[in-house]
Protein backbone atom coordinates (compact mmCIF):
# COMPACT_ATOMS: atom_id res chain seq x y z
CA UNK A 1 0.00 0.00 0.00
CA UNK A 2 2.80 2.45 0.86
CA UNK A 3 4.42 1.98 -2.56
CA UNK A 4 1.12 2.77 -4.30
CA UNK A 5 0.87 5.97 -2.26
CA UNK A 6 4.38 6.99 -3.34
CA UNK A 7 3.60 6.38 -7.00
CA UNK A 8 0.41 8.44 -6.68
CA UNK A 9 2.38 11.29 -5.10
CA UNK A 10 4.86 11.48 -7.97
CA UNK A 11 2.12 11.13 -10.57
CA UNK A 12 0.75 14.50 -9.44
CA UNK A 13 3.98 16.12 -10.71
CA UNK A 14 3.85 14.69 -14.23
CA UNK A 15 1.64 15.44 -17.18
CA UNK A 16 1.57 14.42 -20.80
CA UNK A 17 1.75 16.80 -23.76
CA UNK A 18 1.92 15.68 -27.40
CA UNK A 19 2.71 12.14 -26.22
CA UNK A 20 5.70 13.09 -24.04
CA UNK A 21 5.78 13.43 -20.27
CA UNK A 22 6.77 16.56 -18.40
CA UNK A 23 7.53 17.25 -14.74
CA UNK A 24 5.95 20.30 -13.12
CA UNK A 25 6.19 21.41 -9.51
CA UNK A 26 5.45 24.66 -7.72
CA UNK A 27 8.40 26.49 -6.15
CA UNK A 28 7.74 27.27 -2.46
CA UNK A 29 6.95 30.95 -1.86
CA UNK A 30 9.93 31.26 0.49
CA UNK A 31 12.38 30.72 -2.37
CA UNK A 32 10.44 32.05 -5.37
CA UNK A 33 12.34 35.33 -5.24
CA UNK A 34 15.67 33.44 -5.38
CA UNK A 35 14.58 31.13 -8.18
CA UNK A 36 12.74 33.80 -10.14
CA UNK A 37 9.84 31.58 -11.12
CA UNK A 38 6.75 30.13 -9.50
CA UNK A 39 7.00 26.73 -11.18
CA UNK A 40 9.68 24.29 -12.28
CA UNK A 41 8.84 22.51 -15.54
CA UNK A 42 11.15 19.91 -17.09
CA UNK A 43 10.75 17.77 -20.21
CA UNK A 44 11.25 14.13 -19.24
CA UNK A 45 11.79 13.07 -22.88
CA UNK A 46 9.84 9.84 -22.54
CA UNK A 47 6.51 8.48 -23.66
CA UNK A 48 6.54 5.83 -20.93
CA UNK A 49 4.49 6.58 -17.81
CA UNK A 50 6.62 4.16 -15.76
CA UNK A 51 9.83 5.95 -16.75
CA UNK A 52 8.23 9.33 -16.12
CA UNK A 53 7.29 8.25 -12.59
CA UNK A 54 10.84 7.04 -11.91
CA UNK A 55 12.34 10.25 -13.30
CA UNK A 56 9.95 12.39 -11.25
CA UNK A 57 10.94 10.54 -8.09
CA UNK A 58 14.63 11.31 -8.71
CA UNK A 59 13.86 14.94 -9.52
CA UNK A 60 11.77 15.32 -6.35
CA UNK A 61 14.59 13.93 -4.22
CA UNK A 62 17.07 16.36 -5.76
CA UNK A 63 14.68 19.29 -5.42
CA UNK A 64 14.08 18.54 -1.74
CA UNK A 65 17.83 18.72 -1.08
CA UNK A 66 18.18 21.90 -3.14
CA UNK A 67 15.22 23.61 -1.47
CA UNK A 68 16.44 22.63 1.99
CA UNK A 69 19.81 24.23 1.25
CA UNK A 70 18.13 27.38 -0.08
CA UNK A 71 15.92 27.66 2.99
CA UNK A 72 18.95 27.22 5.27
CA UNK A 73 20.63 30.13 3.51
CA UNK A 74 17.59 32.33 4.10
CA UNK A 75 17.46 31.57 7.83
PDB file of N, CA and C in Angstrom:
ATOM      1  N   UNK A   1       0.826  -1.200   0.000  1.00  0.00           N
ATOM      2  CA  UNK A   1       0.000   0.000   0.000  1.00  0.00           C
ATOM      3  C   UNK A   1       0.867   1.259   0.000  1.00  0.00           C
ATOM      4  N   UNK A   2       1.943   1.280   0.766  1.00  0.00           N
ATOM      5  CA  UNK A   2       2.801   2.449   0.857  1.00  0.00           C
ATOM      6  C   UNK A   2       3.413   2.779  -0.502  1.00  0.00           C
ATOM      7  N   UNK A   3       3.826   1.757  -1.247  1.00  0.00           N
ATOM      8  CA  UNK A   3       4.418   1.978  -2.563  1.00  0.00           C
ATOM      9  C   UNK A   3       3.400   2.616  -3.497  1.00  0.00           C
ATOM     10  N   UNK A   4       2.159   2.163  -3.463  1.00  0.00           N
ATOM     11  CA  UNK A   4       1.118   2.766  -4.297  1.00  0.00           C
ATOM     12  C   UNK A   4       0.929   4.234  -3.959  1.00  0.00           C
ATOM     13  N   UNK A   5       1.004   4.570  -2.680  1.00  0.00           N
ATOM     14  CA  UNK A   5       0.865   5.965  -2.256  1.00  0.00           C
ATOM     15  C   UNK A   5       2.008   6.802  -2.829  1.00  0.00           C
ATOM     16  N   UNK A   6       3.232   6.262  -2.813  1.00  0.00           N
ATOM     17  CA  UNK A   6       4.377   6.995  -3.337  1.00  0.00           C
ATOM     18  C   UNK A   6       4.226   7.228  -4.843  1.00  0.00           C
ATOM     19  N   UNK A   7       3.801   6.229  -5.564  1.00  0.00           N
ATOM     20  CA  UNK A   7       3.602   6.382  -7.005  1.00  0.00           C
ATOM     21  C   UNK A   7       2.540   7.436  -7.276  1.00  0.00           C
ATOM     22  N   UNK A   8       1.455   7.430  -6.510  1.00  0.00           N
ATOM     23  CA  UNK A   8       0.410   8.440  -6.676  1.00  0.00           C
ATOM     24  C   UNK A   8       0.944   9.837  -6.416  1.00  0.00           C
ATOM     25  N   UNK A   9       1.811   9.986  -5.422  1.00  0.00           N
ATOM     26  CA  UNK A   9       2.377  11.292  -5.101  1.00  0.00           C
ATOM     27  C   UNK A   9       3.175  11.830  -6.278  1.00  0.00           C
ATOM     28  N   UNK A  10       4.031  11.013  -6.868  1.00  0.00           N
ATOM     29  CA  UNK A  10       4.863  11.477  -7.966  1.00  0.00           C
ATOM     30  C   UNK A  10       4.049  11.680  -9.238  1.00  0.00           C
ATOM     31  N   UNK A  11       2.944  10.963  -9.371  1.00  0.00           N
ATOM     32  CA  UNK A  11       2.120  11.127 -10.574  1.00  0.00           C
ATOM     33  C   UNK A  11       1.448  12.498 -10.603  1.00  0.00           C
ATOM     34  N   UNK A  12       1.340  13.160  -9.451  1.00  0.00           N
ATOM     35  CA  UNK A  12       0.752  14.496  -9.436  1.00  0.00           C
ATOM     36  C   UNK A  12       1.699  15.530 -10.035  1.00  0.00           C
ATOM     37  N   UNK A  13       2.991  15.199 -10.173  1.00  0.00           N
ATOM     38  CA  UNK A  13       3.976  16.124 -10.713  1.00  0.00           C
ATOM     39  C   UNK A  13       4.227  15.931 -12.203  1.00  0.00           C
ATOM     40  N   UNK A  14       3.609  14.916 -12.809  1.00  0.00           N
ATOM     41  CA  UNK A  14       3.847  14.688 -14.233  1.00  0.00           C
ATOM     42  C   UNK A  14       2.569  14.921 -15.032  1.00  0.00           C
ATOM     43  N   UNK A  15       2.763  15.326 -16.266  1.00  0.00           N
ATOM     44  CA  UNK A  15       1.638  15.445 -17.182  1.00  0.00           C
ATOM     45  C   UNK A  15       2.141  15.123 -18.586  1.00  0.00           C
ATOM     46  N   UNK A  16       1.227  14.819 -19.449  1.00  0.00           N
ATOM     47  CA  UNK A  16       1.574  14.417 -20.803  1.00  0.00           C
ATOM     48  C   UNK A  16       1.141  15.497 -21.792  1.00  0.00           C
ATOM     49  N   UNK A  17       2.036  15.806 -22.734  1.00  0.00           N
ATOM     50  CA  UNK A  17       1.753  16.804 -23.759  1.00  0.00           C
ATOM     51  C   UNK A  17       2.351  16.310 -25.071  1.00  0.00           C
ATOM     52  N   UNK A  18       1.512  16.178 -26.089  1.00  0.00           N
ATOM     53  CA  UNK A  18       1.923  15.675 -27.399  1.00  0.00           C
ATOM     54  C   UNK A  18       2.624  14.321 -27.299  1.00  0.00           C
ATOM     55  N   UNK A  19       2.183  13.490 -26.360  1.00  0.00           N
ATOM     56  CA  UNK A  19       2.712  12.141 -26.217  1.00  0.00           C
ATOM     57  C   UNK A  19       3.910  12.015 -25.300  1.00  0.00           C
ATOM     58  N   UNK A  20       4.543  13.128 -24.926  1.00  0.00           N
ATOM     59  CA  UNK A  20       5.703  13.094 -24.039  1.00  0.00           C
ATOM     60  C   UNK A  20       5.323  13.563 -22.645  1.00  0.00           C
ATOM     61  N   UNK A  21       6.053  13.054 -21.660  1.00  0.00           N
ATOM     62  CA  UNK A  21       5.783  13.432 -20.273  1.00  0.00           C
ATOM     63  C   UNK A  21       6.668  14.594 -19.841  1.00  0.00           C
ATOM     64  N   UNK A  22       6.089  15.414 -18.975  1.00  0.00           N
ATOM     65  CA  UNK A  22       6.770  16.558 -18.395  1.00  0.00           C
ATOM     66  C   UNK A  22       6.617  16.517 -16.880  1.00  0.00           C
ATOM     67  N   UNK A  23       7.574  17.116 -16.194  1.00  0.00           N
ATOM     68  CA  UNK A  23       7.532  17.253 -14.741  1.00  0.00           C
ATOM     69  C   UNK A  23       7.220  18.711 -14.442  1.00  0.00           C
ATOM     70  N   UNK A  24       6.311  18.944 -13.509  1.00  0.00           N
ATOM     71  CA  UNK A  24       5.955  20.303 -13.121  1.00  0.00           C
ATOM     72  C   UNK A  24       5.709  20.342 -11.621  1.00  0.00           C
ATOM     73  N   UNK A  25       6.366  21.276 -10.966  1.00  0.00           N
ATOM     74  CA  UNK A  25       6.187  21.412  -9.514  1.00  0.00           C
ATOM     75  C   UNK A  25       6.308  22.876  -9.122  1.00  0.00           C
ATOM     76  N   UNK A  26       5.454  23.279  -8.200  1.00  0.00           N
ATOM     77  CA  UNK A  26       5.455  24.661  -7.721  1.00  0.00           C
ATOM     78  C   UNK A  26       6.681  24.911  -6.845  1.00  0.00           C
ATOM     79  N   UNK A  27       7.279  26.082  -6.990  1.00  0.00           N
ATOM     80  CA  UNK A  27       8.401  26.490  -6.147  1.00  0.00           C
ATOM     81  C   UNK A  27       7.813  27.106  -4.881  1.00  0.00           C
ATOM     82  N   UNK A  28       8.272  26.690  -3.703  1.00  0.00           N
ATOM     83  CA  UNK A  28       7.744  27.273  -2.460  1.00  0.00           C
ATOM     84  C   UNK A  28       7.913  28.795  -2.447  1.00  0.00           C
ATOM     85  N   UNK A  29       6.941  29.483  -1.881  1.00  0.00           N
ATOM     86  CA  UNK A  29       6.951  30.947  -1.855  1.00  0.00           C
ATOM     87  C   UNK A  29       8.213  31.503  -1.209  1.00  0.00           C
ATOM     88  N   UNK A  30       8.755  30.785  -0.232  1.00  0.00           N
ATOM     89  CA  UNK A  30       9.935  31.265   0.492  1.00  0.00           C
ATOM     90  C   UNK A  30      11.154  31.419  -0.410  1.00  0.00           C
ATOM     91  N   UNK A  31      11.209  30.657  -1.492  1.00  0.00           N
ATOM     92  CA  UNK A  31      12.385  30.716  -2.371  1.00  0.00           C
ATOM     93  C   UNK A  31      12.045  31.181  -3.781  1.00  0.00           C
ATOM     94  N   UNK A  32      10.811  31.598  -4.030  1.00  0.00           N
ATOM     95  CA  UNK A  32      10.439  32.050  -5.366  1.00  0.00           C
ATOM     96  C   UNK A  32      11.267  33.253  -5.800  1.00  0.00           C
ATOM     97  N   UNK A  33      11.563  34.149  -4.864  1.00  0.00           N
ATOM     98  CA  UNK A  33      12.337  35.333  -5.235  1.00  0.00           C
ATOM     99  C   UNK A  33      13.774  34.966  -5.597  1.00  0.00           C
ATOM    100  N   UNK A  34      14.319  33.895  -5.035  1.00  0.00           N
ATOM    101  CA  UNK A  34      15.672  33.442  -5.384  1.00  0.00           C
ATOM    102  C   UNK A  34      15.680  32.713  -6.724  1.00  0.00           C
ATOM    103  N   UNK A  35      14.650  31.931  -6.957  1.00  0.00           N
ATOM    104  CA  UNK A  35      14.575  31.129  -8.178  1.00  0.00           C
ATOM    105  C   UNK A  35      14.079  31.960  -9.360  1.00  0.00           C
ATOM    106  N   UNK A  36      13.235  32.933  -9.087  1.00  0.00           N
ATOM    107  CA  UNK A  36      12.742  33.804 -10.135  1.00  0.00           C
ATOM    108  C   UNK A  36      11.497  33.306 -10.837  1.00  0.00           C
ATOM    109  N   UNK A  37      11.033  32.121 -10.503  1.00  0.00           N
ATOM    110  CA  UNK A  37       9.836  31.577 -11.122  1.00  0.00           C
ATOM    111  C   UNK A  37       8.963  30.912 -10.077  1.00  0.00           C
ATOM    112  N   UNK A  38       7.684  30.762 -10.420  1.00  0.00           N
ATOM    113  CA  UNK A  38       6.746  30.131  -9.498  1.00  0.00           C
ATOM    114  C   UNK A  38       6.644  28.632  -9.709  1.00  0.00           C
ATOM    115  N   UNK A  39       7.151  28.143 -10.833  1.00  0.00           N
ATOM    116  CA  UNK A  39       6.996  26.731 -11.177  1.00  0.00           C
ATOM    117  C   UNK A  39       8.237  26.215 -11.889  1.00  0.00           C
ATOM    118  N   UNK A  40       8.602  24.983 -11.585  1.00  0.00           N
ATOM    119  CA  UNK A  40       9.680  24.294 -12.281  1.00  0.00           C
ATOM    120  C   UNK A  40       9.037  23.318 -13.248  1.00  0.00           C
ATOM    121  N   UNK A  41       9.370  23.416 -14.521  1.00  0.00           N
ATOM    122  CA  UNK A  41       8.842  22.512 -15.544  1.00  0.00           C
ATOM    123  C   UNK A  41      10.024  21.933 -16.310  1.00  0.00           C
ATOM    124  N   UNK A  42      10.065  20.604 -16.388  1.00  0.00           N
ATOM    125  CA  UNK A  42      11.148  19.911 -17.091  1.00  0.00           C
ATOM    126  C   UNK A  42      10.571  18.892 -18.056  1.00  0.00           C
ATOM    127  N   UNK A  43      11.133  18.814 -19.260  1.00  0.00           N
ATOM    128  CA  UNK A  43      10.753  17.770 -20.211  1.00  0.00           C
ATOM    129  C   UNK A  43      11.448  16.482 -19.794  1.00  0.00           C
ATOM    130  N   UNK A  44      10.682  15.414 -19.641  1.00  0.00           N
ATOM    131  CA  UNK A  44      11.249  14.131 -19.242  1.00  0.00           C
ATOM    132  C   UNK A  44      11.693  13.295 -20.443  1.00  0.00           C
ATOM    133  N   UNK A  45      11.366  13.726 -21.638  1.00  0.00           N
ATOM    134  CA  UNK A  45      11.791  13.071 -22.878  1.00  0.00           C
ATOM    135  C   UNK A  45      11.472  11.582 -22.919  1.00  0.00           C
ATOM    136  N   UNK A  46      10.294  11.225 -22.478  1.00  0.00           N
ATOM    137  CA  UNK A  46       9.843   9.845 -22.543  1.00  0.00           C
ATOM    138  C   UNK A  46       8.350   9.808 -22.804  1.00  0.00           C
ATOM    139  N   UNK A  47       7.928   8.731 -23.441  1.00  0.00           N
ATOM    140  CA  UNK A  47       6.506   8.482 -23.659  1.00  0.00           C
ATOM    141  C   UNK A  47       5.984   7.434 -22.685  1.00  0.00           C
ATOM    142  N   UNK A  48       6.879   6.884 -21.875  1.00  0.00           N
ATOM    143  CA  UNK A  48       6.538   5.829 -20.930  1.00  0.00           C
ATOM    144  C   UNK A  48       6.146   6.426 -19.583  1.00  0.00           C
ATOM    145  N   UNK A  49       4.940   6.093 -19.124  1.00  0.00           N
ATOM    146  CA  UNK A  49       4.493   6.578 -17.811  1.00  0.00           C
ATOM    147  C   UNK A  49       5.369   6.025 -16.690  1.00  0.00           C
ATOM    148  N   UNK A  50       5.778   4.774 -16.799  1.00  0.00           N
ATOM    149  CA  UNK A  50       6.618   4.155 -15.764  1.00  0.00           C
ATOM    150  C   UNK A  50       7.959   4.885 -15.653  1.00  0.00           C
ATOM    151  N   UNK A  51       8.569   5.204 -16.783  1.00  0.00           N
ATOM    152  CA  UNK A  51       9.832   5.947 -16.752  1.00  0.00           C
ATOM    153  C   UNK A  51       9.614   7.348 -16.210  1.00  0.00           C
ATOM    154  N   UNK A  52       8.529   7.979 -16.603  1.00  0.00           N
ATOM    155  CA  UNK A  52       8.232   9.330 -16.120  1.00  0.00           C
ATOM    156  C   UNK A  52       8.085   9.344 -14.601  1.00  0.00           C
ATOM    157  N   UNK A  53       7.444   8.333 -14.048  1.00  0.00           N
ATOM    158  CA  UNK A  53       7.295   8.251 -12.589  1.00  0.00           C
ATOM    159  C   UNK A  53       8.644   8.076 -11.904  1.00  0.00           C
ATOM    160  N   UNK A  54       9.499   7.239 -12.484  1.00  0.00           N
ATOM    161  CA  UNK A  54      10.844   7.043 -11.906  1.00  0.00           C
ATOM    162  C   UNK A  54      11.649   8.337 -11.987  1.00  0.00           C
ATOM    163  N   UNK A  55      11.613   8.992 -13.139  1.00  0.00           N
ATOM    164  CA  UNK A  55      12.337  10.254 -13.299  1.00  0.00           C
ATOM    165  C   UNK A  55      11.823  11.315 -12.325  1.00  0.00           C
ATOM    166  N   UNK A  56      10.510  11.380 -12.155  1.00  0.00           N
ATOM    167  CA  UNK A  56       9.946  12.386 -11.255  1.00  0.00           C
ATOM    168  C   UNK A  56      10.349  12.122  -9.810  1.00  0.00           C
ATOM    169  N   UNK A  57      10.491  10.865  -9.449  1.00  0.00           N
ATOM    170  CA  UNK A  57      10.942  10.536  -8.092  1.00  0.00           C
ATOM    171  C   UNK A  57      12.361  11.051  -7.861  1.00  0.00           C
ATOM    172  N   UNK A  58      13.240  10.837  -8.828  1.00  0.00           N
ATOM    173  CA  UNK A  58      14.626  11.306  -8.712  1.00  0.00           C
ATOM    174  C   UNK A  58      14.666  12.838  -8.658  1.00  0.00           C
ATOM    175  N   UNK A  59      13.892  13.483  -9.506  1.00  0.00           N
ATOM    176  CA  UNK A  59      13.856  14.944  -9.519  1.00  0.00           C
ATOM    177  C   UNK A  59      13.355  15.478  -8.190  1.00  0.00           C
ATOM    178  N   UNK A  60      12.310  14.872  -7.643  1.00  0.00           N
ATOM    179  CA  UNK A  60      11.766  15.319  -6.350  1.00  0.00           C
ATOM    180  C   UNK A  60      12.802  15.197  -5.246  1.00  0.00           C
ATOM    181  N   UNK A  61      13.551  14.108  -5.239  1.00  0.00           N
ATOM    182  CA  UNK A  61      14.585  13.927  -4.218  1.00  0.00           C
ATOM    183  C   UNK A  61      15.652  15.006  -4.335  1.00  0.00           C
ATOM    184  N   UNK A  62      16.053  15.316  -5.553  1.00  0.00           N
ATOM    185  CA  UNK A  62      17.067  16.355  -5.756  1.00  0.00           C
ATOM    186  C   UNK A  62      16.532  17.736  -5.409  1.00  0.00           C
ATOM    187  N   UNK A  63      15.282  17.994  -5.748  1.00  0.00           N
ATOM    188  CA  UNK A  63      14.681  19.293  -5.416  1.00  0.00           C
ATOM    189  C   UNK A  63      14.554  19.488  -3.913  1.00  0.00           C
ATOM    190  N   UNK A  64      14.199  18.427  -3.200  1.00  0.00           N
ATOM    191  CA  UNK A  64      14.080  18.538  -1.744  1.00  0.00           C
ATOM    192  C   UNK A  64      15.408  18.947  -1.123  1.00  0.00           C
ATOM    193  N   UNK A  65      16.504  18.361  -1.590  1.00  0.00           N
ATOM    194  CA  UNK A  65      17.830  18.725  -1.075  1.00  0.00           C
ATOM    195  C   UNK A  65      18.162  20.168  -1.427  1.00  0.00           C
ATOM    196  N   UNK A  66      17.883  20.554  -2.685  1.00  0.00           N
ATOM    197  CA  UNK A  66      18.181  21.902  -3.138  1.00  0.00           C
ATOM    198  C   UNK A  66      17.373  22.933  -2.361  1.00  0.00           C
ATOM    199  N   UNK A  67      16.074  22.660  -2.193  1.00  0.00           N
ATOM    200  CA  UNK A  67      15.218  23.605  -1.474  1.00  0.00           C
ATOM    201  C   UNK A  67      15.611  23.710  -0.012  1.00  0.00           C
ATOM    202  N   UNK A  68      15.999  22.603   0.586  1.00  0.00           N
ATOM    203  CA  UNK A  68      16.440  22.629   1.987  1.00  0.00           C
ATOM    204  C   UNK A  68      17.689  23.510   2.136  1.00  0.00           C
ATOM    205  N   UNK A  69      18.611  23.400   1.195  1.00  0.00           N
ATOM    206  CA  UNK A  69      19.810  24.233   1.246  1.00  0.00           C
ATOM    207  C   UNK A  69      19.445  25.694   1.064  1.00  0.00           C
ATOM    208  N   UNK A  70      18.537  26.002   0.144  1.00  0.00           N
ATOM    209  CA  UNK A  70      18.129  27.383  -0.082  1.00  0.00           C
ATOM    210  C   UNK A  70      17.463  27.971   1.158  1.00  0.00           C
ATOM    211  N   UNK A  71      16.600  27.172   1.795  1.00  0.00           N
ATOM    212  CA  UNK A  71      15.916  27.656   2.995  1.00  0.00           C
ATOM    213  C   UNK A  71      16.895  27.876   4.136  1.00  0.00           C
ATOM    214  N   UNK A  72      17.924  27.037   4.237  1.00  0.00           N
ATOM    215  CA  UNK A  72      18.945  27.217   5.266  1.00  0.00           C
ATOM    216  C   UNK A  72      19.703  28.530   5.053  1.00  0.00           C
ATOM    217  N   UNK A  73      19.931  28.890   3.811  1.00  0.00           N
ATOM    218  CA  UNK A  73      20.630  30.135   3.505  1.00  0.00           C
ATOM    219  C   UNK A  73      19.799  31.353   3.878  1.00  0.00           C
ATOM    220  N   UNK A  74      18.478  31.213   3.780  1.00  0.00           N
ATOM    221  CA  UNK A  74      17.588  32.329   4.100  1.00  0.00           C
ATOM    222  C   UNK A  74      17.443  32.536   5.612  1.00  0.00           C
ATOM    223  N   UNK A  75      17.673  31.487   6.366  1.00  0.00           N
ATOM    224  CA  UNK A  75      17.464  31.566   7.829  1.00  0.00           C
ATOM    225  C   UNK A  75      18.553  32.340   8.520  1.00  0.00           C
TER     226      UNK A  75
END
